[in-house]
C-alpha atoms as a PDB file:
ATOM      1  CA  MET A   1      62.277 102.242  99.064  1.00  0.00           C
ATOM      2  CA  GLN A   2      61.509 103.538 102.481  1.00  0.00           C
ATOM      3  CA  SER A   3      64.042 104.976 104.851  1.00  0.00           C
ATOM      4  CA  GLY A   4      63.854 106.291 108.358  1.00  0.00           C
ATOM      5  CA  PRO A   5      64.440 109.876 109.376  1.00  0.00           C
ATOM      6  CA  LEU A   6      67.946 111.208 108.845  1.00  0.00           C
ATOM      7  CA  TRP A   7      67.987 113.629 111.768  1.00  0.00           C
ATOM      8  CA  PRO A   8      69.626 111.147 114.222  1.00  0.00           C
ATOM      9  CA  LEU A   9      72.511 110.697 111.782  1.00  0.00           C
ATOM     10  CA  VAL A  10      72.876 114.459 111.347  1.00  0.00           C
ATOM     11  CA  VAL A  11      72.804 115.007 115.124  1.00  0.00           C
ATOM     12  CA  TYR A  12      75.442 112.288 115.586  1.00  0.00           C
ATOM     13  CA  PHE A  13      77.662 113.826 112.880  1.00  0.00           C
ATOM     14  CA  VAL A  14      77.394 117.302 114.415  1.00  0.00           C
ATOM     15  CA  ALA A  15      78.124 115.892 117.895  1.00  0.00           C
ATOM     16  CA  VAL A  16      81.239 114.113 116.611  1.00  0.00           C
ATOM     17  CA  LEU A  17      82.488 117.264 114.883  1.00  0.00           C
ATOM     18  CA  PHE A  18      81.849 119.295 118.036  1.00  0.00           C
ATOM     19  CA  LEU A  19      83.646 116.751 120.227  1.00  0.00           C
ATOM     20  CA  VAL A  20      86.680 116.599 117.928  1.00  0.00           C
ATOM     21  CA  GLY A  21      86.832 120.385 117.692  1.00  0.00           C
ATOM     22  CA  ALA A  22      86.497 120.756 121.469  1.00  0.00           C
ATOM     23  CA  MET A  23      89.283 118.231 122.122  1.00  0.00           C
ATOM     24  CA  LEU A  24      91.644 119.873 119.629  1.00  0.00           C
ATOM     25  CA  GLY A  25      90.832 123.363 120.913  1.00  0.00           C
ATOM     26  CA  LEU A  26      91.266 122.456 124.576  1.00  0.00           C
ATOM     27  CA  SER A  27      94.564 120.695 123.929  1.00  0.00           C
ATOM     28  CA  TYR A  28      95.815 123.783 122.082  1.00  0.00           C
ATOM     29  CA  VAL A  29      94.695 126.190 124.820  1.00  0.00           C
ATOM     30  CA  LEU A  30      95.698 124.075 127.832  1.00  0.00           C
ATOM     31  CA  GLY A  31      98.755 122.352 126.356  1.00  0.00           C
ATOM     32  CA  GLN A  32     102.304 123.084 127.430  1.00  0.00           C
ATOM     33  CA  ARG A  33     104.608 125.222 125.320  1.00  0.00           C
ATOM     34  CA  HIS A  34     108.233 124.154 125.070  1.00  0.00           C
ATOM     35  CA  MET A  35     110.682 126.439 123.326  1.00  0.00           C
ATOM     36  CA  GLN A  36     113.955 124.709 124.236  1.00  0.00           C
ATOM     37  CA  PRO A  37     116.019 123.246 121.369  1.00  0.00           C
ATOM     38  CA  GLN A  38     116.136 119.872 123.129  1.00  0.00           C
ATOM     39  CA  THR A  39     112.374 119.473 122.705  1.00  0.00           C
ATOM     40  CA  GLY A  40     112.713 118.553 119.044  1.00  0.00           C
ATOM     41  CA  GLN A  41     115.588 116.122 119.616  1.00  0.00           C
ATOM     42  CA  PRO A  42     114.844 112.382 119.634  1.00  0.00           C
ATOM     43  CA  TYR A  43     115.576 110.727 122.965  1.00  0.00           C
ATOM     44  CA  GLU A  44     115.571 107.055 123.683  1.00  0.00           C
ATOM     45  CA  ALA A  45     116.993 105.227 126.688  1.00  0.00           C
ATOM     46  CA  GLY A  46     119.389 108.051 127.529  1.00  0.00           C
ATOM     47  CA  ILE A  47     121.406 107.590 124.341  1.00  0.00           C
ATOM     48  CA  VAL A  48     121.978 110.493 122.000  1.00  0.00           C
ATOM     49  CA  ALA A  49     120.788 109.617 118.504  1.00  0.00           C
ATOM     50  CA  THR A  50     123.412 109.277 115.784  1.00  0.00           C
ATOM     51  CA  GLY A  51     122.878 109.000 112.057  1.00  0.00           C
ATOM     52  CA  ALA A  52     119.678 109.275 110.065  1.00  0.00           C
ATOM     53  CA  ALA A  53     116.472 107.706 111.292  1.00  0.00           C
ATOM     54  CA  ARG A  54     115.430 106.878 107.728  1.00  0.00           C
ATOM     55  CA  ARG A  55     117.175 103.596 107.065  1.00  0.00           C
ATOM     56  CA  ARG A  56     116.072 101.474 104.156  1.00  0.00           C
ATOM     57  CA  PHE A  57     115.171  97.876 104.816  1.00  0.00           C
ATOM     58  CA  ASP A  58     115.275  95.170 102.212  1.00  0.00           C
ATOM     59  CA  VAL A  59     111.907  94.234 100.723  1.00  0.00           C
ATOM     60  CA  LYS A  60     112.408  90.664 101.910  1.00  0.00           C
ATOM     61  CA  TYR A  61     112.157  91.910 105.491  1.00  0.00           C
ATOM     62  CA  TYR A  62     108.607  93.098 104.831  1.00  0.00           C
ATOM     63  CA  LEU A  63     107.739  89.919 102.946  1.00  0.00           C
ATOM     64  CA  VAL A  64     108.811  87.753 105.859  1.00  0.00           C
ATOM     65  CA  ALA A  65     106.862  90.014 108.229  1.00  0.00           C
ATOM     66  CA  MET A  66     103.719  89.614 106.079  1.00  0.00           C
ATOM     67  CA  PHE A  67     104.187  85.843 105.869  1.00  0.00           C
ATOM     68  CA  PHE A  68     104.555  85.689 109.633  1.00  0.00           C
ATOM     69  CA  VAL A  69     101.337  87.643 110.196  1.00  0.00           C
ATOM     70  CA  ILE A  70      99.433  85.548 107.666  1.00  0.00           C
ATOM     71  CA  PHE A  71     100.579  82.192 109.011  1.00  0.00           C
ATOM     72  CA  ASP A  72     100.214  83.341 112.622  1.00  0.00           C
ATOM     73  CA  LEU A  73      96.613  84.362 111.966  1.00  0.00           C
ATOM     74  CA  GLU A  74      95.915  80.997 110.407  1.00  0.00           C
ATOM     75  CA  ALA A  75      97.360  79.308 113.482  1.00  0.00           C
ATOM     76  CA  ALA A  76      94.741  81.218 115.508  1.00  0.00           C
ATOM     77  CA  PHE A  77      92.025  79.838 113.202  1.00  0.00           C
ATOM     78  CA  ILE A  78      93.318  76.310 113.708  1.00  0.00           C
ATOM     79  CA  PHE A  79      93.373  76.848 117.478  1.00  0.00           C
ATOM     80  CA  ALA A  80      89.741  78.023 117.367  1.00  0.00           C
ATOM     81  CA  TRP A  81      88.857  74.871 115.425  1.00  0.00           C
ATOM     82  CA  ALA A  82      90.690  72.725 117.998  1.00  0.00           C
ATOM     83  CA  VAL A  83      88.623  74.239 120.803  1.00  0.00           C
ATOM     84  CA  ALA A  84      85.348  73.399 119.032  1.00  0.00           C
ATOM     85  CA  ALA A  85      86.487  70.169 117.322  1.00  0.00           C
ATOM     86  CA  ARG A  86      84.020  67.858 119.075  1.00  0.00           C
ATOM     87  CA  GLU A  87      81.005  70.022 118.266  1.00  0.00           C
ATOM     88  CA  LEU A  88      82.044  70.414 114.621  1.00  0.00           C
ATOM     89  CA  GLY A  89      82.435  66.694 113.997  1.00  0.00           C
ATOM     90  CA  TRP A  90      83.600  65.243 110.696  1.00  0.00           C
ATOM     91  CA  PRO A  91      82.551  68.210 108.524  1.00  0.00           C
ATOM     92  CA  GLY A  92      84.699  70.494 110.687  1.00  0.00           C
ATOM     93  CA  TYR A  93      87.583  68.032 110.489  1.00  0.00           C
ATOM     94  CA  ILE A  94      87.387  67.909 106.696  1.00  0.00           C
ATOM     95  CA  ALA A  95      87.234  71.714 106.569  1.00  0.00           C
ATOM     96  CA  VAL A  96      90.373  72.108 108.697  1.00  0.00           C
ATOM     97  CA  VAL A  97      92.227  69.475 106.649  1.00  0.00           C
ATOM     98  CA  VAL A  98      91.400  71.416 103.470  1.00  0.00           C
ATOM     99  CA  PHE A  99      92.467  74.634 105.233  1.00  0.00           C
ATOM    100  CA  ILE A 100      95.808  73.128 106.281  1.00  0.00           C
ATOM    101  CA  ALA A 101      96.301  71.708 102.776  1.00  0.00           C
ATOM    102  CA  LEU A 102      95.794  75.193 101.332  1.00  0.00           C
ATOM    103  CA  LEU A 103      98.293  76.573 103.856  1.00  0.00           C
ATOM    104  CA  ALA A 104     100.821  73.912 102.881  1.00  0.00           C
ATOM    105  CA  ALA A 105     100.256  74.643  99.191  1.00  0.00           C
ATOM    106  CA  ALA A 106     100.769  78.387  99.797  1.00  0.00           C
ATOM    107  CA  LEU A 107     103.945  77.705 101.770  1.00  0.00           C
ATOM    108  CA  ALA A 108     105.244  75.374  99.038  1.00  0.00           C
ATOM    109  CA  TYR A 109     104.468  78.022  96.417  1.00  0.00           C
ATOM    110  CA  LEU A 110     106.324  80.706  98.386  1.00  0.00           C
ATOM    111  CA  TRP A 111     109.255  78.359  98.901  1.00  0.00           C
ATOM    112  CA  ARG A 112     109.381  77.451  95.207  1.00  0.00           C
ATOM    113  CA  LEU A 113     109.103  81.105  94.224  1.00  0.00           C
ATOM    114  CA  GLY A 114     112.116  81.895  96.389  1.00  0.00           C
ATOM    115  CA  ALA A 115     110.265  84.356  98.597  1.00  0.00           C
ATOM    116  CA  LEU A 116     111.724  82.703 101.694  1.00  0.00           C
ATOM    117  CA  ASP A 117     115.309  82.726 100.396  1.00  0.00           C
ATOM    118  CA  TRP A 118     117.444  85.555 101.758  1.00  0.00           C
ATOM    119  CA  LYS A 119     120.497  84.838  99.660  1.00  0.00           C
ATOM    120  CA  THR A 120     121.404  87.021  96.714  1.00  0.00           C
ATOM    121  CA  PRO A 121     121.846  85.384  93.285  1.00  0.00           C
ATOM    122  CA  ARG A 122     125.623  85.719  93.692  1.00  0.00           C
ATOM    123  CA  GLN A 123     125.495  83.897  97.031  1.00  0.00           C
ATOM    124  CA  ARG A 124     123.412  81.131  95.438  1.00  0.00           C
ATOM    125  CA  GLY A 125     126.066  80.677  92.789  1.00  0.00           C
ATOM    126  CA  GLN A 126     123.795  81.791  89.942  1.00  0.00           C
ATOM    127  CA  ARG A 127     124.878  84.094  87.178  1.00  0.00           C
ATOM    128  CA  LEU A 128     123.547  87.624  87.205  1.00  0.00           C
ATOM    129  CA  ARG A 129     121.678  88.546  84.047  1.00  0.00           C
END
């Protein structure tokens, strides 16, 4: 197995390390120093912060966010297909129909699993085990 010379990779690695070190060093030397107590305080829109910033969110919030990203990305794929639909012809049409069928099956599975239901078992009228 033949490989080319490694010196360009070594030079690139050294240049990156030098650049990162130079940027960190210059920002430390030239950066401003603030010693006032207000510097460490959070500030947003002129309102003084109250309470803890570490609030727990329900897991369902993250699930819905992931589902949104997944289905939004697939909508972008379908839009790209729609732009090139004439050039793709029937094979492209069959491919997008299979793609949409898989999306519908995934959505039905999530719905059946209860991943899209925000109600608690007590709100659904089910007994807690």
